[in-house]
Amino acid sequence: MYTIGQVSEMFNLPISTLRYYDKEGFFPNLERKGNIRYFSDSDIEAIHVIECLKKSGLEIKDIKQFFKLVVEGPSSYPDRKKLFETRKEAVLSEIKHLEKTLAMLEFKCWYYDKAIADGNEDSIYAMLPDKLPKDIQKLYNKAHK
């Protein structure tokens, strides 16, 4: 069992956020002794799921709906699986977008290293758009798709 302070440190979440999650009903079996909340391993797992879904772009109201599905039991497995498949696709799409962004950043770092070394951009302009060094060409192409 973990106190709210321990869980706050474990997840780097404000205590107020954990209280909010509790208020939203994410921990239906949360143990209380007096005014102290005690989080079980299943509550900790719920927080992992909440944080994962939040990071995937899901809003709290939709996460709350997921937890309602959990309470429904095995009949909601297909709906729960669909939710995770949808979030997985959203994350994969975001990764693809970020990889393109990273390629541009890496290309521009090379670009300015070369411009600084040469004192100008003339040789770079002569290589654009398709005569760059092979590894840099890959970055350029990925960034400009």
Protein backbone atom coordinates (compact mmCIF):
# COMPACT_ATOMS: atom_id res chain seq x y z
CA MET A 1 0.00 0.00 0.00
CA TYR A 2 1.19 3.47 -0.87
CA THR A 3 0.25 6.88 0.49
CA ILE A 4 -0.78 9.68 -1.82
CA GLY A 5 2.61 11.35 -1.27
CA GLN A 6 4.47 8.20 -2.30
CA VAL A 7 2.32 7.83 -5.41
CA SER A 8 2.80 11.51 -6.24
CA GLU A 9 6.58 11.01 -6.18
CA MET A 10 6.37 7.70 -8.04
CA PHE A 11 4.56 9.28 -10.99
CA ASN A 12 5.80 12.85 -10.63
CA LEU A 13 2.17 13.96 -10.37
CA PRO A 14 0.79 16.65 -8.08
CA ILE A 15 -1.21 15.34 -5.14
CA SER A 16 -4.11 17.45 -6.42
CA THR A 17 -4.13 15.40 -9.64
CA LEU A 18 -4.37 12.16 -7.70
CA ARG A 19 -7.21 13.59 -5.63
CA TYR A 20 -8.92 14.63 -8.85
CA TYR A 21 -8.55 11.10 -10.27
CA ASP A 22 -10.05 9.75 -7.06
CA LYS A 23 -12.94 12.22 -7.29
CA GLU A 24 -13.53 11.11 -10.90
CA GLY A 25 -13.94 7.54 -9.67
CA PHE A 26 -10.78 6.00 -11.12
CA PHE A 27 -10.03 4.18 -7.84
CA PRO A 28 -13.31 2.59 -6.75
CA ASN A 29 -11.60 0.35 -4.20
CA LEU A 30 -9.22 2.93 -2.76
CA GLU A 31 -8.66 2.23 0.91
CA ARG A 32 -9.00 5.08 3.38
CA LYS A 33 -8.01 5.21 7.01
CA GLY A 34 -9.23 8.46 8.43
CA ASN A 35 -8.35 11.11 5.86
CA ILE A 36 -5.42 9.14 4.45
CA ARG A 37 -5.75 7.41 1.08
CA TYR A 38 -3.87 4.16 0.54
CA PHE A 39 -3.21 3.05 -3.02
CA SER A 40 -2.98 -0.65 -3.84
CA ASP A 41 -1.01 -2.23 -6.67
CA SER A 42 -4.20 -2.27 -8.78
CA ASP A 43 -4.62 1.48 -8.14
CA ILE A 44 -1.01 1.98 -9.24
CA GLU A 45 -1.74 0.02 -12.43
CA ALA A 46 -4.81 2.21 -13.02
CA ILE A 47 -2.57 5.30 -12.80
CA HIS A 48 -0.19 3.76 -15.35
CA VAL A 49 -3.15 3.28 -17.70
CA ILE A 50 -4.51 6.79 -17.05
CA GLU A 51 -1.13 8.38 -17.74
CA CYS A 52 -0.63 6.27 -20.87
CA LEU A 53 -4.02 7.24 -22.24
CA LYS A 54 -3.43 10.92 -21.37
CA LYS A 55 -0.07 10.89 -23.15
CA SER A 56 -1.73 9.28 -26.16
CA GLY A 57 -4.02 12.30 -26.42
CA LEU A 58 -7.16 10.99 -24.74
CA GLU A 59 -9.12 13.43 -22.62
CA ILE A 60 -10.09 12.70 -19.02
CA LYS A 61 -13.78 12.35 -19.93
CA ASP A 62 -12.85 9.59 -22.40
CA ILE A 63 -10.54 7.92 -19.89
CA LYS A 64 -13.44 7.96 -17.46
CA GLN A 65 -15.55 6.20 -20.11
CA PHE A 66 -12.82 3.53 -20.39
CA PHE A 67 -13.02 2.90 -16.66
CA LYS A 68 -16.79 2.56 -16.94
CA LEU A 69 -16.17 -0.13 -19.55
CA VAL A 70 -13.81 -1.90 -17.16
CA VAL A 71 -16.58 -2.05 -14.57
CA GLU A 72 -18.86 -3.67 -17.17
CA GLY A 73 -16.54 -6.66 -17.22
CA PRO A 74 -15.66 -9.08 -20.02
CA SER A 75 -18.52 -8.00 -22.29
CA SER A 76 -16.65 -4.72 -22.88
CA TYR A 77 -13.33 -6.33 -23.94
CA PRO A 78 -13.91 -5.57 -27.65
CA ASP A 79 -14.67 -1.90 -26.91
CA ARG A 80 -11.63 -1.59 -24.65
CA LYS A 81 -9.39 -3.23 -27.26
CA LYS A 82 -10.73 -0.87 -29.92
CA LEU A 83 -9.91 2.14 -27.73
CA PHE A 84 -6.30 0.98 -27.36
CA GLU A 85 -6.00 0.21 -31.06
CA THR A 86 -7.26 3.71 -31.89
CA ARG A 87 -4.80 5.32 -29.45
CA LYS A 88 -1.99 3.15 -30.83
CA GLU A 89 -2.71 4.43 -34.35
CA ALA A 90 -2.76 8.01 -33.09
CA VAL A 91 0.60 7.54 -31.37
CA LEU A 92 2.13 5.90 -34.45
CA SER A 93 0.93 8.84 -36.53
CA GLU A 94 2.46 11.29 -34.06
CA ILE A 95 5.73 9.34 -34.09
CA LYS A 96 5.81 9.55 -37.90
CA HIS A 97 5.24 13.31 -37.70
CA LEU A 98 7.96 13.68 -35.06
CA GLU A 99 10.41 11.62 -37.13
CA LYS A 100 9.87 14.01 -40.04
CA THR A 101 10.43 16.95 -37.70
CA LEU A 102 13.57 15.33 -36.30
CA ALA A 103 14.89 14.75 -39.83
CA MET A 104 14.49 18.46 -40.59
CA LEU A 105 16.25 19.43 -37.37
CA GLU A 106 19.13 17.05 -38.08
CA PHE A 107 19.39 18.30 -41.66
CA LYS A 108 19.47 21.92 -40.52
CA CYS A 109 22.15 21.14 -37.91
CA TRP A 110 24.30 19.64 -40.68
CA TYR A 111 23.40 22.57 -42.95
CA TYR A 112 24.62 25.18 -40.49
CA ASP A 113 27.71 23.17 -39.48
CA LYS A 114 28.64 23.13 -43.17
CA ALA A 115 27.78 26.81 -43.66
CA ILE A 116 29.87 27.77 -40.64
CA ALA A 117 32.80 25.63 -41.82
CA ASP A 118 32.61 27.05 -45.36
CA GLY A 119 31.82 30.61 -44.31
CA ASN A 120 28.84 30.66 -46.68
CA GLU A 121 26.01 28.53 -48.10
CA ASP A 122 27.21 28.34 -51.71
CA SER A 123 28.31 24.69 -51.68
CA ILE A 124 25.09 23.67 -49.94
CA TYR A 125 22.96 25.44 -52.56
CA ALA A 126 24.92 23.62 -55.26
CA MET A 127 23.99 20.27 -53.66
CA LEU A 128 20.28 20.99 -53.21
CA PRO A 129 17.93 19.27 -53.70
CA ASP A 130 19.43 15.92 -54.77
CA LYS A 131 23.24 16.01 -54.62
CA LEU A 132 23.73 15.95 -50.84
CA PRO A 133 25.90 13.37 -49.07
CA LYS A 134 23.97 10.10 -48.90
CA ASP A 135 23.10 10.20 -45.17
CA ILE A 136 22.15 13.88 -45.37
CA GLN A 137 20.11 13.26 -48.51
CA LYS A 138 18.03 10.72 -46.57
CA LEU A 139 17.34 13.32 -43.88
CA TYR A 140 16.49 15.97 -46.46
CA ASN A 141 14.14 13.64 -48.32
CA LYS A 142 12.40 12.53 -45.13
CA ALA A 143 12.00 16.13 -43.96
CA HIS A 144 10.55 17.23 -47.29
CA LYS A 145 8.05 14.42 -47.93
